[in-house]
C-alpha atoms as a PDB file:
ATOM      1  CA  MET A   1     115.453 108.960 173.979  1.00  0.00           C
ATOM      2  CA  ASN A   2     112.556 107.609 171.944  1.00  0.00           C
ATOM      3  CA  ALA A   3     110.629 109.969 169.704  1.00  0.00           C
ATOM      4  CA  SER A   4     106.908 109.608 169.122  1.00  0.00           C
ATOM      5  CA  PHE A   5     104.750 111.070 166.359  1.00  0.00           C
ATOM      6  CA  ASP A   6     101.729 111.035 168.698  1.00  0.00           C
ATOM      7  CA  VAL A   7     102.509 114.535 169.995  1.00  0.00           C
ATOM      8  CA  LEU A   8     102.403 116.139 166.555  1.00  0.00           C
ATOM      9  CA  GLU A   9      99.180 117.688 165.282  1.00  0.00           C
ATOM     10  CA  GLU A  10      98.561 119.200 161.859  1.00  0.00           C
ATOM     11  CA  VAL A  11     101.483 117.163 160.604  1.00  0.00           C
ATOM     12  CA  LEU A  12     101.139 114.337 158.132  1.00  0.00           C
ATOM     13  CA  THR A  13     103.363 111.313 158.253  1.00  0.00           C
ATOM     14  CA  GLU A  14     103.985 108.883 155.453  1.00  0.00           C
ATOM     15  CA  LYS A  15     105.700 105.554 155.984  1.00  0.00           C
ATOM     16  CA  LEU A  16     107.945 104.390 153.165  1.00  0.00           C
ATOM     17  CA  GLY A  17     109.564 101.130 154.167  1.00  0.00           C
ATOM     18  CA  ILE A  18     111.474 101.773 157.370  1.00  0.00           C
ATOM     19  CA  GLU A  19     111.480 105.556 156.875  1.00  0.00           C
ATOM     20  CA  THR A  20     108.785 107.942 158.040  1.00  0.00           C
ATOM     21  CA  ARG A  21     108.472 111.254 156.237  1.00  0.00           C
ATOM     22  CA  ILE A  22     106.908 114.248 157.943  1.00  0.00           C
ATOM     23  CA  TYR A  23     105.326 117.232 156.250  1.00  0.00           C
ATOM     24  CA  ALA A  24     103.157 120.118 157.403  1.00  0.00           C
ATOM     25  CA  PHE A  25      99.514 120.361 156.376  1.00  0.00           C
ATOM     26  CA  SER A  26      97.695 123.239 158.020  1.00  0.00           C
ATOM     27  CA  VAL A  27      93.986 123.459 158.767  1.00  0.00           C
ATOM     28  CA  SER A  28      94.115 127.089 157.623  1.00  0.00           C
ATOM     29  CA  SER A  29      94.965 125.890 154.094  1.00  0.00           C
ATOM     30  CA  LEU A  30      91.634 124.035 153.833  1.00  0.00           C
ATOM     31  CA  PRO A  31      88.538 125.576 152.154  1.00  0.00           C
ATOM     32  CA  SER A  32      85.638 126.735 154.331  1.00  0.00           C
ATOM     33  CA  VAL A  33      82.983 124.665 152.498  1.00  0.00           C
ATOM     34  CA  PRO A  34      82.733 121.163 154.072  1.00  0.00           C
ATOM     35  CA  ALA A  35      82.512 119.252 150.755  1.00  0.00           C
ATOM     36  CA  GLU A  36      85.633 121.018 149.477  1.00  0.00           C
ATOM     37  CA  TRP A  37      87.295 120.589 152.897  1.00  0.00           C
ATOM     38  CA  PHE A  38      86.946 116.801 152.760  1.00  0.00           C
ATOM     39  CA  PHE A  39      87.846 116.693 149.049  1.00  0.00           C
ATOM     40  CA  LYS A  40      91.122 118.486 149.831  1.00  0.00           C
ATOM     41  CA  LEU A  41      91.855 116.187 152.791  1.00  0.00           C
ATOM     42  CA  PHE A  42      91.367 113.044 150.718  1.00  0.00           C
ATOM     43  CA  GLN A  43      93.272 114.533 147.811  1.00  0.00           C
ATOM     44  CA  GLU A  44      96.230 114.967 150.157  1.00  0.00           C
ATOM     45  CA  LYS A  45      95.919 111.506 151.691  1.00  0.00           C
ATOM     46  CA  PRO A  46      93.375 108.903 150.429  1.00  0.00           C
ATOM     47  CA  LYS A  47      92.983 107.032 153.749  1.00  0.00           C
ATOM     48  CA  TRP A  48      92.987 108.482 157.249  1.00  0.00           C
ATOM     49  CA  GLY A  49      92.995 106.915 160.691  1.00  0.00           C
ATOM     50  CA  TRP A  50      90.922 108.674 163.363  1.00  0.00           C
ATOM     51  CA  GLN A  51      93.992 109.955 165.223  1.00  0.00           C
ATOM     52  CA  ASP A  52      95.298 111.550 162.011  1.00  0.00           C
ATOM     53  CA  LEU A  53      91.939 112.962 160.888  1.00  0.00           C
ATOM     54  CA  GLN A  54      90.666 114.359 164.196  1.00  0.00           C
ATOM     55  CA  PRO A  55      92.892 117.496 164.352  1.00  0.00           C
ATOM     56  CA  PHE A  56      91.693 118.499 160.882  1.00  0.00           C
ATOM     57  CA  ILE A  57      87.944 118.188 161.522  1.00  0.00           C
ATOM     58  CA  ARG A  58      87.532 119.224 165.162  1.00  0.00           C
ATOM     59  CA  ASP A  59      87.221 122.926 164.257  1.00  0.00           C
ATOM     60  CA  LEU A  60      84.930 122.370 161.258  1.00  0.00           C
ATOM     61  CA  LYS A  61      81.516 123.656 162.338  1.00  0.00           C
ATOM     62  CA  VAL A  62      78.348 123.202 160.304  1.00  0.00           C
ATOM     63  CA  PRO A  63      74.985 124.183 161.803  1.00  0.00           C
ATOM     64  CA  GLY A  64      72.946 121.073 162.552  1.00  0.00           C
ATOM     65  CA  LEU A  65      75.820 118.612 162.026  1.00  0.00           C
ATOM     66  CA  SER A  66      78.214 117.223 164.594  1.00  0.00           C
ATOM     67  CA  SER A  67      81.696 115.953 163.741  1.00  0.00           C
ATOM     68  CA  GLU A  68      80.221 112.458 163.552  1.00  0.00           C
ATOM     69  CA  GLY A  69      77.505 113.699 161.192  1.00  0.00           C
ATOM     70  CA  LEU A  70      80.121 115.266 158.933  1.00  0.00           C
ATOM     71  CA  LEU A  71      82.059 112.006 158.880  1.00  0.00           C
ATOM     72  CA  LEU A  72      78.908 110.073 157.976  1.00  0.00           C
ATOM     73  CA  LYS A  73      78.082 112.516 155.192  1.00  0.00           C
ATOM     74  CA  TYR A  74      81.515 112.911 153.594  1.00  0.00           C
ATOM     75  CA  THR A  75      83.465 109.734 154.376  1.00  0.00           C
ATOM     76  CA  ARG A  76      83.325 105.970 154.213  1.00  0.00           C
ATOM     77  CA  THR A  77      84.740 103.833 156.964  1.00  0.00           C
ATOM     78  CA  GLN A  78      86.573 100.580 156.718  1.00  0.00           C
ATOM     79  CA  PRO A  79      86.024  99.074 160.163  1.00  0.00           C
ATOM     80  CA  SER A  80      88.332  96.529 161.661  1.00  0.00           C
ATOM     81  CA  ALA A  81      87.637  94.394 164.714  1.00  0.00           C
ATOM     82  CA  ASP A  82      91.036  94.970 166.284  1.00  0.00           C
ATOM     83  CA  ALA A  83      91.983  98.465 165.058  1.00  0.00           C
ATOM     84  CA  GLU A  84      90.542 101.941 164.685  1.00  0.00           C
ATOM     85  CA  PRO A  85      88.450 102.549 161.552  1.00  0.00           C
ATOM     86  CA  ILE A  86      90.043 103.934 158.410  1.00  0.00           C
ATOM     87  CA  PHE A  87      88.242 106.830 156.705  1.00  0.00           C
ATOM     88  CA  SER A  88      88.248 107.385 152.940  1.00  0.00           C
ATOM     89  CA  ALA A  89      86.355 109.619 150.501  1.00  0.00           C
ATOM     90  CA  ARG A  90      82.677 108.908 149.846  1.00  0.00           C
END
């Protein structure tokens, strides 16, 4: 049986050589203010792929801003032609 980390949400993984470490990081532990929310996310992990970041921002609601607007305001992207973008702190 092959295990996949794709089914896990609100779980952070960290690759160290051939090992992958898993630890819980709950959305409920994040502040309610968007600037603090993103600060805490990037304090926990400096660079995020979209698949890793999406579960943590999908419930963040700010009047007048979509999820994409929040990403534009609080993150920088490092685009790659052949891979998903990597998000880091602005």
